Amino acid sequence: MRFSRSFPELLLLTAVAACAPAHQASAQSNAVTAQDPGLPPAGFGSLRQDQVGVNLATSNLRIRVIPLEEEIIRLLSPDAYRSLHEMRDSRAAEIRAAAHAAGRDSVKAFMVTFFGLQPQTRFNPDDVLITSQNSTFRPIGHVAITPGFNENQVDARAQAAAIYLYEPGVALLRPMTVQYGTYQSDAWTQTLNLLNAERTRVLSRASTQTQP
């Protein structure tokens, strides 16, 4: 199920972009990761964030789950890639601390956003599960993006977002199921086809230095 971008979501994108530190660490990190031959080159994608998100809807909540790993976000348009990359980069220390607290040296990171459809809607942040390769993963930690996320409540037309951390066994280039309570989505299976096609286009654009 696809959802059009609402005004609150645009506010979230603005907040995400604003959270990056005003120093050169992000640019330096970007330069380093861009050299990884196992990743598609950054700056040549054309996908939107909503095209790589998995959406769930309950009677009073809408939930969007977006991977934050480079193998996925490098397929986004340059502005969208920069926004998510810098947002994760700006919270790298908090992510490392949360991972170490859970006994992990590496994790898979996602941005999870709860959109309120009713006033004062409660949500359980630990109920966002991912099933990948016959294993179900619960979040092992999260880093808040929006103020008040840890209150576990969101008002109508408002949102609460955090970076969720899962064990590294989540395979992003394989089918997976996202679940919240009794609601689940297998939409990632179709998204993989889109990602594979875009990866081919990205490599082609990079070889000719053609921007999307």
C-alpha atoms as a PDB file:
ATOM      1  CA  MET A   1       0.000   0.000   0.000  1.00  0.00           C
ATOM      2  CA  ARG A   2       1.421   3.413  -0.974  1.00  0.00           C
ATOM      3  CA  PHE A   3       0.669   6.699   0.775  1.00  0.00           C
ATOM      4  CA  SER A   4       1.089  10.185  -0.617  1.00  0.00           C
ATOM      5  CA  ARG A   5       3.375  12.495   1.315  1.00  0.00           C
ATOM      6  CA  SER A   6       1.483  14.588   3.871  1.00  0.00           C
ATOM      7  CA  PHE A   7       2.363  17.965   5.373  1.00  0.00           C
ATOM      8  CA  PRO A   8       3.595  16.362   8.658  1.00  0.00           C
ATOM      9  CA  GLU A   9       5.911  14.102   6.660  1.00  0.00           C
ATOM     10  CA  LEU A  10       7.397  17.130   4.937  1.00  0.00           C
ATOM     11  CA  LEU A  11       8.016  18.610   8.384  1.00  0.00           C
ATOM     12  CA  LEU A  12       9.827  15.411   9.374  1.00  0.00           C
ATOM     13  CA  LEU A  13      12.066  15.605   6.305  1.00  0.00           C
ATOM     14  CA  THR A  14      12.932  19.183   7.251  1.00  0.00           C
ATOM     15  CA  ALA A  15      13.728  18.110  10.820  1.00  0.00           C
ATOM     16  CA  VAL A  16      15.875  15.224   9.563  1.00  0.00           C
ATOM     17  CA  ALA A  17      17.867  17.535   7.310  1.00  0.00           C
ATOM     18  CA  ALA A  18      18.337  20.039  10.132  1.00  0.00           C
ATOM     19  CA  CYS A  19      19.676  17.448  12.581  1.00  0.00           C
ATOM     20  CA  ALA A  20      22.980  16.955  10.736  1.00  0.00           C
ATOM     21  CA  PRO A  21      25.955  18.687  12.393  1.00  0.00           C
ATOM     22  CA  ALA A  22      27.401  21.721  10.683  1.00  0.00           C
ATOM     23  CA  HIS A  23      30.892  20.294  10.392  1.00  0.00           C
ATOM     24  CA  GLN A  24      32.662  18.273   7.729  1.00  0.00           C
ATOM     25  CA  ALA A  25      32.394  14.822   9.337  1.00  0.00           C
ATOM     26  CA  SER A  26      29.489  13.831   7.101  1.00  0.00           C
ATOM     27  CA  ALA A  27      31.314  14.876   3.955  1.00  0.00           C
ATOM     28  CA  GLN A  28      34.405  12.976   5.038  1.00  0.00           C
ATOM     29  CA  SER A  29      32.357   9.871   5.881  1.00  0.00           C
ATOM     30  CA  ASN A  30      30.576  10.119   2.540  1.00  0.00           C
ATOM     31  CA  ALA A  31      33.897  10.267   0.713  1.00  0.00           C
ATOM     32  CA  VAL A  32      35.122   7.167   2.517  1.00  0.00           C
ATOM     33  CA  THR A  33      32.029   5.017   1.996  1.00  0.00           C
ATOM     34  CA  ALA A  34      31.791   6.080  -1.639  1.00  0.00           C
ATOM     35  CA  GLN A  35      34.983   4.107  -2.299  1.00  0.00           C
ATOM     36  CA  ASP A  36      33.469   0.785  -1.168  1.00  0.00           C
ATOM     37  CA  PRO A  37      33.370  -1.346  -4.338  1.00  0.00           C
ATOM     38  CA  GLY A  38      30.573  -3.468  -2.885  1.00  0.00           C
ATOM     39  CA  LEU A  39      28.158  -0.536  -2.807  1.00  0.00           C
ATOM     40  CA  PRO A  40      26.441   1.332  -5.635  1.00  0.00           C
ATOM     41  CA  PRO A  41      27.981   4.802  -6.089  1.00  0.00           C
ATOM     42  CA  ALA A  42      26.196   7.644  -4.325  1.00  0.00           C
ATOM     43  CA  GLY A  43      24.668  10.549  -6.215  1.00  0.00           C
ATOM     44  CA  PHE A  44      23.199   8.688  -9.193  1.00  0.00           C
ATOM     45  CA  GLY A  45      19.932   7.332  -7.762  1.00  0.00           C
ATOM     46  CA  SER A  46      16.464   8.609  -8.572  1.00  0.00           C
ATOM     47  CA  LEU A  47      14.115   6.862  -6.141  1.00  0.00           C
ATOM     48  CA  ARG A  48      12.005   8.664  -3.531  1.00  0.00           C
ATOM     49  CA  GLN A  49      11.936   7.756   0.149  1.00  0.00           C
ATOM     50  CA  ASP A  50       8.344   6.546  -0.072  1.00  0.00           C
ATOM     51  CA  GLN A  51       9.387   4.083  -2.792  1.00  0.00           C
ATOM     52  CA  VAL A  52      11.722   2.239  -0.420  1.00  0.00           C
ATOM     53  CA  GLY A  53       9.502   2.392   2.661  1.00  0.00           C
ATOM     54  CA  VAL A  54       7.236  -0.331   4.008  1.00  0.00           C
ATOM     55  CA  ASN A  55       3.891   0.992   5.255  1.00  0.00           C
ATOM     56  CA  LEU A  56       1.485  -0.435   7.808  1.00  0.00           C
ATOM     57  CA  ALA A  57      -1.854   1.008   8.910  1.00  0.00           C
ATOM     58  CA  THR A  58      -3.924   0.296  11.999  1.00  0.00           C
ATOM     59  CA  SER A  59      -7.169   1.969  12.998  1.00  0.00           C
ATOM     60  CA  ASN A  60      -5.341   4.874  14.651  1.00  0.00           C
ATOM     61  CA  LEU A  61      -1.750   4.716  13.404  1.00  0.00           C
ATOM     62  CA  ARG A  62       0.200   4.693  10.178  1.00  0.00           C
ATOM     63  CA  ILE A  63       3.728   3.312  10.376  1.00  0.00           C
ATOM     64  CA  ARG A  64       6.507   3.699   7.840  1.00  0.00           C
ATOM     65  CA  VAL A  65       9.753   1.697   7.970  1.00  0.00           C
ATOM     66  CA  ILE A  66      12.704   2.818   5.800  1.00  0.00           C
ATOM     67  CA  PRO A  67      16.103   1.058   5.744  1.00  0.00           C
ATOM     68  CA  LEU A  68      19.051   3.341   6.449  1.00  0.00           C
ATOM     69  CA  GLU A  69      21.774   1.079   5.095  1.00  0.00           C
ATOM     70  CA  GLU A  70      23.973   2.447   2.291  1.00  0.00           C
ATOM     71  CA  GLU A  71      23.123  -0.417  -0.065  1.00  0.00           C
ATOM     72  CA  ILE A  72      19.548   0.901  -0.120  1.00  0.00           C
ATOM     73  CA  ILE A  73      19.734   4.661   0.390  1.00  0.00           C
ATOM     74  CA  ARG A  74      22.371   5.134  -2.334  1.00  0.00           C
ATOM     75  CA  LEU A  75      19.614   4.303  -4.803  1.00  0.00           C
ATOM     76  CA  LEU A  76      17.636   7.361  -3.684  1.00  0.00           C
ATOM     77  CA  SER A  77      17.785  10.750  -5.385  1.00  0.00           C
ATOM     78  CA  PRO A  78      20.827  12.803  -4.299  1.00  0.00           C
ATOM     79  CA  ASP A  79      18.853  15.057  -1.933  1.00  0.00           C
ATOM     80  CA  ALA A  80      16.997  12.138  -0.338  1.00  0.00           C
ATOM     81  CA  TYR A  81      20.236  10.170   0.031  1.00  0.00           C
ATOM     82  CA  ARG A  82      22.041  13.114   1.611  1.00  0.00           C
ATOM     83  CA  SER A  83      19.198  13.711   4.089  1.00  0.00           C
ATOM     84  CA  LEU A  84      19.122  10.130   5.395  1.00  0.00           C
ATOM     85  CA  HIS A  85      22.885   9.613   5.257  1.00  0.00           C
ATOM     86  CA  GLU A  86      23.598  12.772   7.257  1.00  0.00           C
ATOM     87  CA  MET A  87      20.787  12.027   9.698  1.00  0.00           C
ATOM     88  CA  ARG A  88      22.286   8.614  10.504  1.00  0.00           C
ATOM     89  CA  ASP A  89      25.826  10.027  10.502  1.00  0.00           C
ATOM     90  CA  SER A  90      24.871  12.738  13.000  1.00  0.00           C
ATOM     91  CA  ARG A  91      23.714  10.076  15.459  1.00  0.00           C
ATOM     92  CA  ALA A  92      26.539   7.611  14.866  1.00  0.00           C
ATOM     93  CA  ALA A  93      27.811   7.823  18.454  1.00  0.00           C
ATOM     94  CA  GLU A  94      24.337   7.151  19.878  1.00  0.00           C
ATOM     95  CA  ILE A  95      23.855   4.248  17.480  1.00  0.00           C
ATOM     96  CA  ARG A  96      27.186   2.711  18.496  1.00  0.00           C
ATOM     97  CA  ALA A  97      26.343   3.121  22.174  1.00  0.00           C
ATOM     98  CA  ALA A  98      22.930   1.479  21.745  1.00  0.00           C
ATOM     99  CA  ALA A  99      24.465  -1.369  19.738  1.00  0.00           C
ATOM    100  CA  HIS A 100      27.175  -1.977  22.340  1.00  0.00           C
ATOM    101  CA  ALA A 101      24.585  -1.889  25.108  1.00  0.00           C
ATOM    102  CA  ALA A 102      22.841  -4.744  23.294  1.00  0.00           C
ATOM    103  CA  GLY A 103      26.129  -6.625  22.897  1.00  0.00           C
ATOM    104  CA  ARG A 104      26.472  -5.963  19.161  1.00  0.00           C
ATOM    105  CA  ASP A 105      29.342  -4.511  17.153  1.00  0.00           C
ATOM    106  CA  SER A 106      27.184  -4.055  14.065  1.00  0.00           C
ATOM    107  CA  VAL A 107      23.481  -3.548  13.448  1.00  0.00           C
ATOM    108  CA  LYS A 108      20.973  -2.907  10.678  1.00  0.00           C
ATOM    109  CA  ALA A 109      19.377   0.514  11.011  1.00  0.00           C
ATOM    110  CA  PHE A 110      15.913   1.658   9.939  1.00  0.00           C
ATOM    111  CA  MET A 111      13.978   4.887  10.314  1.00  0.00           C
ATOM    112  CA  VAL A 112      10.583   4.089  11.840  1.00  0.00           C
ATOM    113  CA  THR A 113       7.894   6.770  11.877  1.00  0.00           C
ATOM    114  CA  PHE A 114       4.530   6.599  13.627  1.00  0.00           C
ATOM    115  CA  PHE A 115       1.876   8.921  12.167  1.00  0.00           C
ATOM    116  CA  GLY A 116      -1.104   9.628  14.400  1.00  0.00           C
ATOM    117  CA  LEU A 117      -4.590   9.262  12.946  1.00  0.00           C
ATOM    118  CA  GLN A 118      -6.407   9.879  16.233  1.00  0.00           C
ATOM    119  CA  PRO A 119      -5.700  12.204  19.187  1.00  0.00           C
ATOM    120  CA  GLN A 120      -3.294  10.929  21.852  1.00  0.00           C
ATOM    121  CA  THR A 121      -2.670   7.583  20.201  1.00  0.00           C
ATOM    122  CA  ARG A 122      -0.427   5.246  22.169  1.00  0.00           C
ATOM    123  CA  PHE A 123       2.109   3.042  20.387  1.00  0.00           C
ATOM    124  CA  ASN A 124       4.482   0.313  21.501  1.00  0.00           C
ATOM    125  CA  PRO A 125       7.922   0.970  19.961  1.00  0.00           C
ATOM    126  CA  ASP A 126       9.117  -2.576  20.621  1.00  0.00           C
ATOM    127  CA  ASP A 127       6.346  -4.159  18.540  1.00  0.00           C
ATOM    128  CA  VAL A 128       7.907  -3.357  15.151  1.00  0.00           C
ATOM    129  CA  LEU A 129       9.177  -6.785  14.093  1.00  0.00           C
ATOM    130  CA  ILE A 130      11.050  -7.866  10.969  1.00  0.00           C
ATOM    131  CA  THR A 131      11.014 -11.424   9.653  1.00  0.00           C
ATOM    132  CA  SER A 132      13.986 -12.191   7.411  1.00  0.00           C
ATOM    133  CA  GLN A 133      15.317 -15.544   6.233  1.00  0.00           C
ATOM    134  CA  ASN A 134      12.963 -17.487   8.513  1.00  0.00           C
ATOM    135  CA  SER A 135      13.976 -15.540  11.628  1.00  0.00           C
ATOM    136  CA  THR A 136      11.977 -12.841  13.398  1.00  0.00           C
ATOM    137  CA  PHE A 137      13.927  -9.887  14.773  1.00  0.00           C
ATOM    138  CA  ARG A 138      12.832  -7.496  17.499  1.00  0.00           C
ATOM    139  CA  PRO A 139      14.476  -4.082  17.806  1.00  0.00           C
ATOM    140  CA  ILE A 140      17.517  -4.222  20.066  1.00  0.00           C
ATOM    141  CA  GLY A 141      17.547  -0.455  20.553  1.00  0.00           C
ATOM    142  CA  HIS A 142      16.458   2.840  19.108  1.00  0.00           C
ATOM    143  CA  VAL A 143      17.666   6.434  18.897  1.00  0.00           C
ATOM    144  CA  ALA A 144      14.970   9.100  18.932  1.00  0.00           C
ATOM    145  CA  ILE A 145      14.737  11.523  16.008  1.00  0.00           C
ATOM    146  CA  THR A 146      11.722  13.570  17.056  1.00  0.00           C
ATOM    147  CA  PRO A 147      11.310  15.079  20.539  1.00  0.00           C
ATOM    148  CA  GLY A 148       8.977  13.112  22.759  1.00  0.00           C
ATOM    149  CA  PHE A 149       9.389   9.802  20.928  1.00  0.00           C
ATOM    150  CA  ASN A 150      10.040   8.017  24.212  1.00  0.00           C
ATOM    151  CA  GLU A 151       6.643   9.132  25.497  1.00  0.00           C
ATOM    152  CA  ASN A 152       5.160   6.437  23.212  1.00  0.00           C
ATOM    153  CA  GLN A 153       2.292   8.670  22.192  1.00  0.00           C
ATOM    154  CA  VAL A 154       1.438  10.643  19.064  1.00  0.00           C
ATOM    155  CA  ASP A 155      -1.387  13.064  18.325  1.00  0.00           C
ATOM    156  CA  ALA A 156      -3.543  13.206  15.222  1.00  0.00           C
ATOM    157  CA  ARG A 157      -1.609  14.608  12.229  1.00  0.00           C
ATOM    158  CA  ALA A 158       1.599  14.438  14.268  1.00  0.00           C
ATOM    159  CA  GLN A 159       4.476  11.986  14.110  1.00  0.00           C
ATOM    160  CA  ALA A 160       7.081  10.269  16.236  1.00  0.00           C
ATOM    161  CA  ALA A 161      10.244   8.899  14.649  1.00  0.00           C
ATOM    162  CA  ALA A 162      13.387   7.056  15.699  1.00  0.00           C
ATOM    163  CA  ILE A 163      16.309   5.137  14.268  1.00  0.00           C
ATOM    164  CA  TYR A 164      15.614   1.487  15.043  1.00  0.00           C
ATOM    165  CA  LEU A 165      18.438  -1.010  15.436  1.00  0.00           C
ATOM    166  CA  TYR A 166      18.109  -4.685  14.571  1.00  0.00           C
ATOM    167  CA  GLU A 167      20.545  -7.563  14.585  1.00  0.00           C
ATOM    168  CA  PRO A 168      22.737  -7.787  11.459  1.00  0.00           C
ATOM    169  CA  GLY A 169      20.955 -10.960  10.355  1.00  0.00           C
ATOM    170  CA  VAL A 170      18.250  -8.884   8.628  1.00  0.00           C
ATOM    171  CA  ALA A 171      18.960  -9.380   4.906  1.00  0.00           C
ATOM    172  CA  LEU A 172      17.854  -6.258   3.054  1.00  0.00           C
ATOM    173  CA  LEU A 173      18.405  -7.720  -0.403  1.00  0.00           C
ATOM    174  CA  ARG A 174      16.095 -10.643   0.342  1.00  0.00           C
ATOM    175  CA  PRO A 175      12.317 -10.717   0.929  1.00  0.00           C
ATOM    176  CA  MET A 176      11.276  -9.693   4.437  1.00  0.00           C
ATOM    177  CA  THR A 177       8.064  -9.062   6.335  1.00  0.00           C
ATOM    178  CA  VAL A 178       7.449  -6.058   8.572  1.00  0.00           C
ATOM    179  CA  GLN A 179       4.940  -6.512  11.394  1.00  0.00           C
ATOM    180  CA  TYR A 180       3.327  -4.339  14.054  1.00  0.00           C
ATOM    181  CA  GLY A 181       1.010  -6.239  16.372  1.00  0.00           C
ATOM    182  CA  THR A 182      -1.392  -8.215  14.179  1.00  0.00           C
ATOM    183  CA  TYR A 183      -0.673  -6.088  11.107  1.00  0.00           C
ATOM    184  CA  GLN A 184       2.007  -7.061   8.611  1.00  0.00           C
ATOM    185  CA  SER A 185       3.284  -6.246   5.149  1.00  0.00           C
ATOM    186  CA  ASP A 186       5.243  -8.262   2.574  1.00  0.00           C
ATOM    187  CA  ALA A 187       5.588  -5.241   0.260  1.00  0.00           C
ATOM    188  CA  TRP A 188       9.386  -5.427   0.449  1.00  0.00           C
ATOM    189  CA  THR A 189       9.283  -8.335  -1.999  1.00  0.00           C
ATOM    190  CA  GLN A 190       7.949  -6.014  -4.705  1.00  0.00           C
ATOM    191  CA  THR A 191      10.317  -3.245  -3.613  1.00  0.00           C
ATOM    192  CA  LEU A 192      13.269  -5.536  -4.317  1.00  0.00           C
ATOM    193  CA  ASN A 193      12.366  -5.573  -8.016  1.00  0.00           C
ATOM    194  CA  LEU A 194      12.412  -1.766  -8.029  1.00  0.00           C
ATOM    195  CA  LEU A 195      15.744  -1.689  -6.196  1.00  0.00           C
ATOM    196  CA  ASN A 196      17.370  -4.176  -8.557  1.00  0.00           C
ATOM    197  CA  ALA A 197      16.268  -2.192 -11.602  1.00  0.00           C
ATOM    198  CA  GLU A 198      17.458   1.086 -10.070  1.00  0.00           C
ATOM    199  CA  ARG A 199      20.817  -0.427  -9.120  1.00  0.00           C
ATOM    200  CA  THR A 200      21.388  -1.306 -12.768  1.00  0.00           C
ATOM    201  CA  ARG A 201      20.476   2.243 -13.805  1.00  0.00           C
ATOM    202  CA  VAL A 202      22.749   3.732 -11.144  1.00  0.00           C
ATOM    203  CA  LEU A 203      25.741   1.736 -12.361  1.00  0.00           C
ATOM    204  CA  SER A 204      24.986   2.785 -15.927  1.00  0.00           C
ATOM    205  CA  ARG A 205      24.703   6.478 -14.978  1.00  0.00           C
ATOM    206  CA  ALA A 206      27.901   6.292 -12.942  1.00  0.00           C
ATOM    207  CA  SER A 207      29.812   4.766 -15.847  1.00  0.00           C
ATOM    208  CA  THR A 208      28.847   7.724 -18.039  1.00  0.00           C
ATOM    209  CA  GLN A 209      28.723  10.283 -15.180  1.00  0.00           C
ATOM    210  CA  THR A 210      25.106  11.064 -16.071  1.00  0.00           C
ATOM    211  CA  GLN A 211      22.902  12.482 -13.311  1.00  0.00           C
ATOM    212  CA  PRO A 212      19.287  11.231 -13.089  1.00  0.00           C
END
